[in-house]
Every structure is written in structure tokens, then in C-alpha cells.
N, C-alpha and C. Protein backbone atom coordinates (compact mmCIF):
# COMPACT_ATOMS: atom_id res chain seq x y z
N MET A 1 36.09 -44.92 -16.00
CA MET A 1 36.34 -44.88 -14.72
C MET A 1 37.15 -46.29 -14.04
N SER A 2 37.95 -44.77 -13.02
CA SER A 2 39.39 -45.71 -13.54
C SER A 2 39.53 -45.61 -12.20
N GLU A 3 40.31 -46.89 -11.74
CA GLU A 3 40.14 -46.76 -10.00
C GLU A 3 41.66 -46.83 -9.97
N THR A 4 41.67 -45.95 -8.77
CA THR A 4 42.99 -45.01 -8.12
C THR A 4 43.51 -46.06 -6.66
N HIS A 5 45.07 -46.50 -7.01
CA HIS A 5 45.34 -47.58 -5.89
C HIS A 5 45.74 -46.57 -4.76
N ASP A 6 45.80 -46.70 -4.00
CA ASP A 6 46.79 -45.82 -2.66
C ASP A 6 47.84 -46.47 -1.73
N THR A 7 49.25 -46.19 -2.37
CA THR A 7 50.64 -46.53 -2.32
C THR A 7 51.02 -46.30 -0.57
N ASP A 8 50.08 -45.13 -0.54
CA ASP A 8 50.53 -44.33 0.98
C ASP A 8 50.60 -45.34 2.61
N PRO A 9 51.42 -46.37 2.71
CA PRO A 9 50.10 -47.12 4.17
C PRO A 9 49.39 -45.84 4.67
N ARG A 10 48.53 -46.00 5.83
CA ARG A 10 47.68 -45.90 6.40
C ARG A 10 47.92 -46.81 8.26
N LEU A 11 48.38 -46.14 8.50
CA LEU A 11 48.02 -46.77 10.31
C LEU A 11 46.48 -46.24 10.90
N ARG A 12 45.51 -47.49 11.22
CA ARG A 12 44.79 -47.43 11.89
C ARG A 12 44.86 -48.17 13.44
N LEU A 13 44.31 -47.28 13.91
CA LEU A 13 44.26 -47.92 15.41
C LEU A 13 43.02 -48.07 15.89
N ARG A 14 42.57 -49.02 16.45
CA ARG A 14 41.62 -49.34 17.38
C ARG A 14 41.80 -49.98 18.96
N ILE A 15 41.13 -49.13 19.82
CA ILE A 15 41.47 -49.59 21.30
C ILE A 15 40.69 -50.23 21.92
N HIS A 16 40.41 -51.10 22.08
CA HIS A 16 39.75 -52.17 22.96
C HIS A 16 39.67 -52.32 23.97
N PHE A 17 38.91 -51.88 25.50
CA PHE A 17 38.17 -51.26 26.04
C PHE A 17 37.50 -52.23 26.90
N GLY A 18 38.00 -53.57 27.27
CA GLY A 18 36.56 -54.93 27.21
C GLY A 18 35.57 -54.94 26.35
N ASN A 19 34.67 -54.46 26.28
CA ASN A 19 33.36 -54.72 24.93
C ASN A 19 33.63 -53.41 24.87
N ALA A 20 34.13 -52.22 24.80
CA ALA A 20 34.00 -50.90 24.29
C ALA A 20 34.86 -50.79 23.14
N MET A 21 35.30 -50.00 22.42
CA MET A 21 36.40 -49.53 21.42
C MET A 21 36.35 -48.56 21.20
N MET A 22 37.52 -47.69 20.80
CA MET A 22 37.40 -46.52 20.18
C MET A 22 38.86 -46.80 19.17
N GLY A 23 38.55 -45.65 17.93
CA GLY A 23 38.39 -46.08 16.62
C GLY A 23 38.82 -45.17 15.71
N PRO A 24 39.20 -44.62 14.95
CA PRO A 24 39.42 -43.90 13.93
C PRO A 24 37.96 -43.09 13.17
N GLY A 25 36.63 -44.32 12.95
CA GLY A 25 35.50 -43.90 12.05
C GLY A 25 34.58 -43.74 14.05
N LYS A 26 34.94 -43.36 14.71
CA LYS A 26 34.03 -42.87 16.29
C LYS A 26 35.02 -41.60 16.31
N ALA A 27 35.72 -41.46 15.86
CA ALA A 27 36.94 -39.99 16.02
C ALA A 27 36.82 -39.44 14.98
N ASP A 28 36.50 -40.13 13.96
CA ASP A 28 35.91 -39.38 12.85
C ASP A 28 34.74 -38.83 12.88
N LEU A 29 33.87 -39.27 13.81
CA LEU A 29 32.49 -39.00 13.74
C LEU A 29 32.47 -37.50 14.96
N LEU A 30 32.74 -38.22 15.75
CA LEU A 30 32.68 -36.79 16.65
C LEU A 30 33.84 -35.83 16.16
N GLU A 31 34.42 -35.62 15.35
CA GLU A 31 34.89 -34.25 14.75
C GLU A 31 34.43 -33.92 13.68
N ASN A 32 33.33 -34.99 13.05
CA ASN A 32 32.63 -34.21 12.22
C ASN A 32 31.49 -33.67 13.21
N ILE A 33 30.89 -33.48 14.54
CA ILE A 33 29.95 -33.64 14.79
C ILE A 33 30.31 -32.00 15.24
N ARG A 34 31.39 -32.18 15.93
CA ARG A 34 32.13 -31.10 16.32
C ARG A 34 31.39 -29.56 14.92
N GLU A 35 32.33 -30.14 14.07
CA GLU A 35 32.20 -28.92 12.84
C GLU A 35 30.97 -29.18 12.08
N THR A 36 30.11 -29.70 12.58
CA THR A 36 28.45 -29.80 11.66
C THR A 36 27.68 -29.00 12.91
N GLY A 37 28.19 -29.82 14.68
CA GLY A 37 26.67 -29.52 15.62
C GLY A 37 25.49 -30.08 15.41
N SER A 38 26.10 -31.19 13.96
CA SER A 38 24.63 -32.27 13.95
C SER A 38 25.46 -33.74 13.66
N ILE A 39 24.33 -34.88 14.86
CA ILE A 39 24.94 -35.80 14.39
C ILE A 39 24.33 -36.70 12.45
N ALA A 40 23.32 -35.90 12.55
CA ALA A 40 22.42 -36.07 10.82
C ALA A 40 23.82 -35.58 9.65
N ALA A 41 24.41 -34.44 10.59
CA ALA A 41 25.65 -33.66 9.18
C ALA A 41 26.32 -34.76 8.76
N ALA A 42 26.72 -34.93 10.39
CA ALA A 42 28.13 -35.34 10.59
C ALA A 42 27.97 -36.80 10.00
N GLY A 43 26.54 -37.77 9.97
CA GLY A 43 26.94 -38.85 9.38
C GLY A 43 26.86 -39.14 7.79
N ARG A 44 26.06 -37.58 7.47
CA ARG A 44 26.31 -37.91 5.58
C ARG A 44 27.35 -37.54 5.77
N ALA A 45 28.09 -36.61 6.60
CA ALA A 45 29.65 -36.71 5.51
C ALA A 45 30.66 -37.51 5.65
N MET A 46 29.56 -38.33 5.97
CA MET A 46 30.85 -39.82 6.33
C MET A 46 30.00 -41.23 5.48
N SER A 47 29.18 -40.66 4.86
CA SER A 47 28.07 -41.11 4.25
C SER A 47 27.85 -42.82 4.64
N MET A 48 27.08 -41.92 6.36
CA MET A 48 26.24 -42.38 7.02
C MET A 48 24.77 -42.50 7.13
N SER A 49 23.86 -43.34 7.39
CA SER A 49 22.78 -42.38 7.48
C SER A 49 22.73 -42.35 9.52
N TYR A 50 21.84 -41.53 9.34
CA TYR A 50 21.15 -40.74 11.35
C TYR A 50 21.57 -42.19 12.73
N LYS A 51 20.86 -43.60 11.83
CA LYS A 51 20.80 -43.93 13.02
C LYS A 51 21.82 -44.78 13.05
N ARG A 52 23.09 -44.80 12.64
CA ARG A 52 24.08 -45.22 12.94
C ARG A 52 25.18 -44.94 13.11
N ALA A 53 24.61 -43.57 13.30
CA ALA A 53 26.08 -42.60 13.37
C ALA A 53 25.23 -42.57 15.25
N TRP A 54 23.99 -42.26 15.08
CA TRP A 54 23.34 -42.34 16.32
C TRP A 54 23.60 -43.21 17.31
N SER A 55 23.91 -44.30 16.94
CA SER A 55 23.61 -45.53 17.51
C SER A 55 25.32 -45.48 17.83
N LEU A 56 26.67 -45.09 16.77
CA LEU A 56 28.01 -44.92 17.32
C LEU A 56 27.64 -43.91 18.42
N VAL A 57 27.43 -42.29 18.63
CA VAL A 57 27.56 -41.71 19.56
C VAL A 57 26.59 -42.65 21.14
N GLU A 58 25.38 -43.35 21.06
CA GLU A 58 24.91 -44.33 22.76
C GLU A 58 26.15 -45.04 22.92
N GLU A 59 26.65 -45.55 21.30
CA GLU A 59 27.73 -46.43 22.27
C GLU A 59 29.32 -46.02 22.64
N MET A 60 29.71 -44.20 22.57
CA MET A 60 30.05 -43.58 22.95
C MET A 60 29.48 -43.14 24.03
N ASN A 61 28.41 -42.39 24.55
CA ASN A 61 28.49 -41.98 25.42
C ASN A 61 28.41 -43.03 26.36
N ALA A 62 27.85 -44.27 26.45
CA ALA A 62 27.67 -45.11 27.05
C ALA A 62 28.93 -45.66 27.87
N ALA A 63 29.92 -45.67 27.34
CA ALA A 63 32.03 -46.68 27.04
C ALA A 63 32.14 -45.72 27.88
N PHE A 64 31.70 -44.56 28.10
CA PHE A 64 33.00 -43.49 29.04
C PHE A 64 32.29 -42.71 30.18
N GLN A 65 32.75 -42.39 31.06
CA GLN A 65 32.67 -41.56 32.93
C GLN A 65 31.85 -40.65 32.57
N ALA A 66 31.33 -40.03 30.88
CA ALA A 66 30.78 -39.09 31.72
C ALA A 66 30.03 -38.78 29.86
N PRO A 67 28.98 -38.54 29.10
CA PRO A 67 28.93 -38.63 28.02
C PRO A 67 29.98 -37.86 27.23
N LEU A 68 29.82 -38.23 25.84
CA LEU A 68 30.75 -37.03 24.20
C LEU A 68 30.29 -36.71 24.21
N VAL A 69 28.88 -36.70 24.02
CA VAL A 69 27.79 -35.92 23.00
C VAL A 69 27.19 -35.50 23.24
N GLU A 70 26.11 -34.39 23.71
CA GLU A 70 25.26 -33.51 23.69
C GLU A 70 24.32 -33.33 23.17
N ARG A 71 23.31 -33.83 23.33
CA ARG A 71 22.62 -32.47 22.31
C ARG A 71 21.37 -31.33 23.15
N ASN A 72 21.47 -30.38 21.95
CA ASN A 72 20.62 -28.90 22.51
C ASN A 72 19.21 -28.91 22.49
N ARG A 73 17.93 -28.95 22.16
CA ARG A 73 17.17 -28.70 22.04
C ARG A 73 16.54 -27.19 22.27
N GLY A 74 15.94 -27.42 21.04
CA GLY A 74 14.78 -25.82 20.99
C GLY A 74 15.51 -25.24 20.49
N GLY A 75 15.45 -23.59 20.72
CA GLY A 75 16.09 -22.47 20.54
C GLY A 75 16.34 -21.85 19.62
N ALA A 76 16.63 -20.69 18.98
CA ALA A 76 16.77 -19.95 17.54
C ALA A 76 16.92 -20.88 16.65
N GLN A 77 17.71 -21.79 16.91
CA GLN A 77 18.18 -22.05 15.72
C GLN A 77 18.02 -23.84 15.61
N GLY A 78 17.20 -24.15 16.32
CA GLY A 78 15.97 -25.15 16.15
C GLY A 78 17.45 -26.62 17.20
N GLY A 79 18.00 -26.31 17.74
CA GLY A 79 18.77 -27.11 19.11
C GLY A 79 20.27 -27.04 17.91
N GLY A 80 20.42 -28.65 18.37
CA GLY A 80 21.74 -28.90 17.53
C GLY A 80 22.63 -30.06 18.93
N THR A 81 23.87 -30.08 18.33
CA THR A 81 25.46 -31.52 19.16
C THR A 81 25.98 -31.00 19.30
N ALA A 82 26.87 -30.77 20.47
CA ALA A 82 28.27 -30.41 20.58
C ALA A 82 28.44 -31.14 21.41
N LEU A 83 29.98 -31.84 21.39
CA LEU A 83 31.00 -32.60 21.23
C LEU A 83 31.02 -31.79 23.38
N THR A 84 30.70 -32.82 24.74
CA THR A 84 30.70 -32.31 25.90
C THR A 84 32.70 -31.97 26.23
N ASP A 85 33.04 -31.78 27.18
CA ASP A 85 34.48 -31.16 27.26
C ASP A 85 35.12 -32.77 27.47
N MET A 86 34.35 -33.62 27.74
CA MET A 86 34.92 -35.71 27.29
C MET A 86 34.94 -36.14 26.54
N GLY A 87 34.29 -35.78 25.35
CA GLY A 87 33.60 -35.18 23.99
C GLY A 87 35.38 -35.23 23.75
N GLU A 88 35.67 -34.00 24.28
CA GLU A 88 36.82 -32.73 23.72
C GLU A 88 38.32 -33.15 24.24
N ALA A 89 38.12 -34.06 25.52
CA ALA A 89 39.24 -35.32 25.67
C ALA A 89 39.81 -36.28 25.47
N VAL A 90 38.36 -36.45 24.92
CA VAL A 90 38.59 -38.65 24.47
C VAL A 90 38.86 -38.14 23.60
N LEU A 91 38.95 -37.13 22.73
CA LEU A 91 39.28 -37.43 20.66
C LEU A 91 40.55 -36.60 20.91
N ALA A 92 41.13 -35.49 21.67
CA ALA A 92 42.62 -34.97 21.64
C ALA A 92 43.22 -36.02 22.04
N HIS A 93 42.67 -37.17 23.15
CA HIS A 93 43.61 -37.92 23.22
C HIS A 93 44.04 -39.54 22.72
N TYR A 94 42.97 -39.55 21.75
CA TYR A 94 42.73 -40.24 20.92
C TYR A 94 44.42 -40.14 19.54
N ARG A 95 43.61 -38.38 18.99
CA ARG A 95 44.26 -38.88 18.02
C ARG A 95 46.11 -38.10 18.09
N ARG A 96 46.18 -38.00 19.45
CA ARG A 96 47.68 -37.83 20.40
C ARG A 96 48.20 -39.26 20.05
N LEU A 97 47.53 -39.90 20.68
CA LEU A 97 47.70 -41.69 20.05
C LEU A 97 47.96 -42.31 19.05
N GLU A 98 46.88 -41.69 18.12
CA GLU A 98 47.27 -41.64 17.22
C GLU A 98 48.95 -40.85 15.94
N ALA A 99 49.55 -40.04 16.36
CA ALA A 99 50.59 -39.41 15.64
C ALA A 99 51.35 -40.18 16.79
N ILE A 100 51.63 -40.59 18.30
CA ILE A 100 52.45 -40.57 18.96
C ILE A 100 52.81 -42.01 17.86
N THR A 101 51.54 -42.74 17.96
CA THR A 101 52.41 -44.45 17.25
C THR A 101 52.85 -43.98 15.89
N ALA A 102 52.04 -43.08 15.25
CA ALA A 102 52.02 -43.26 13.73
C ALA A 102 54.24 -42.58 13.62
N GLU A 103 54.61 -41.62 14.84
CA GLU A 103 56.12 -41.59 14.39
C GLU A 103 56.66 -42.03 14.91
N ALA A 104 56.33 -43.10 16.26
CA ALA A 104 57.62 -44.00 16.86
C ALA A 104 57.36 -45.39 16.34
N GLY A 105 56.25 -45.55 15.11
CA GLY A 105 56.64 -47.01 13.93
C GLY A 105 56.72 -46.80 12.62
N ALA A 106 56.75 -45.36 12.47
CA ALA A 106 57.62 -44.50 11.17
C ALA A 106 58.62 -45.48 10.27
N LYS A 107 59.10 -45.92 11.10
CA LYS A 107 60.69 -46.87 10.37
C LYS A 107 59.69 -48.34 10.04
N GLU A 108 59.81 -49.41 11.78
CA GLU A 108 59.35 -50.39 10.78
C GLU A 108 57.73 -50.51 9.22
N ILE A 109 56.68 -48.75 9.55
CA ILE A 109 56.05 -49.16 7.83
C ILE A 109 56.88 -48.90 7.13
N ALA A 110 57.90 -48.26 7.01
CA ALA A 110 58.55 -48.14 5.56
C ALA A 110 59.50 -48.96 5.06
N ALA A 111 59.64 -49.83 6.06
CA ALA A 111 59.99 -51.17 5.88
C ALA A 111 59.04 -52.45 5.58
N LEU A 112 58.53 -52.27 6.20
CA LEU A 112 56.78 -53.45 5.52
C LEU A 112 55.97 -52.58 4.31
N ARG A 113 56.42 -51.53 3.95
CA ARG A 113 56.29 -50.85 2.78
C ARG A 113 57.24 -51.33 1.74
N ALA A 114 58.71 -51.51 1.94
CA ALA A 114 59.17 -51.81 1.56
C ALA A 114 59.65 -53.21 0.56
N LEU A 115 58.64 -54.40 1.27
CA LEU A 115 58.34 -54.94 1.07
C LEU A 115 56.82 -55.68 0.25
N VAL A 116 56.12 -54.37 0.78
CA VAL A 116 54.88 -54.75 -0.40
C VAL A 116 55.32 -55.12 -1.65
N ARG A 117 54.68 -55.92 -2.24
CA ARG A 117 54.27 -56.32 -4.04
C ARG A 117 54.12 -55.26 -4.53
N ASP A 118 54.33 -54.59 -5.29
CA ASP A 118 53.88 -53.46 -6.45
C ASP A 118 52.91 -54.08 -7.16
N MET A 119 51.60 -53.01 -6.87
CA MET A 119 49.96 -53.53 -7.33
C MET A 119 50.20 -52.66 -8.69
N SER A 120 51.11 -51.52 -9.16
CA SER A 120 50.56 -50.08 -9.33
C SER A 120 49.87 -51.01 -11.15
N ASP A 121 50.63 -51.91 -11.79
CA ASP A 121 50.05 -51.79 -12.61
C ASP A 121 47.83 -52.63 -12.65
N GLY A 122 47.44 -52.89 -11.70
CA GLY A 122 46.74 -53.56 -11.05
C GLY A 122 45.92 -54.75 -10.60
N LYS A 123 47.57 -55.48 -11.07
CA LYS A 123 47.46 -56.74 -11.19
C LYS A 123 46.91 -57.46 -9.87
């Protein structure tokens, strides 16, 4: 089994608001919940337990002025989960901020990348 090394720089943005934090994992979880309609399925897509995914949802729901994720019980399809309007807004703002940061920092990221030692031979 060969190991591949990703040489493309990645920018991971975490924003701390006192004890609350929004970062790439939570944003990815929100996107997966939107796509799957399920906290469990969103967690599985990220190799995350349901308990961990639910814990992150609870953290986000408590941190913002209104819940980001809502559960719909019962119904013909057995219920599900969806992002609220607040969840959609938080996710959109976060993704825009990621894009703005990456664009604004592209020159510096490239300069840093040029200074990184070549590790392509696995050493």
C-alpha cells in the first residue's frame, strides 16, 4: 500500500467566538446534513460516529442565535434533518470567508509553499 503526499497547500480556517468555534469540520458536517437529510448519514460520510455528529450539531445549535439544524420527526419518510435558514446563512458566510481568505492570501501561501522542503521521496 503506497502512501501519497498532498503537495498542494490547504488553508483551514477556524473562527473562535469565546467558547464557540466554527471550522471546516462543522461546515462540512452542515453541508453533509443538507445533502443527506440525516445527521447519521452526514456523520458516516465523514467517518464520524452519530454521537460525535450529534454533539457537534448541539454545539452549533447552542452557539448561534437560532438553531442551525432542525430534526423533523415522523412523517411518511420517517422524519429527517435539515438546515434552518440560520444554518444556511452561517454555512454561506463561512464558505465565503474561506474563499476570500484563500484569494487574499494566495500570494503569501505560494511564497510559503516555495520555502517548504520537498518531501516527495518520502523522507
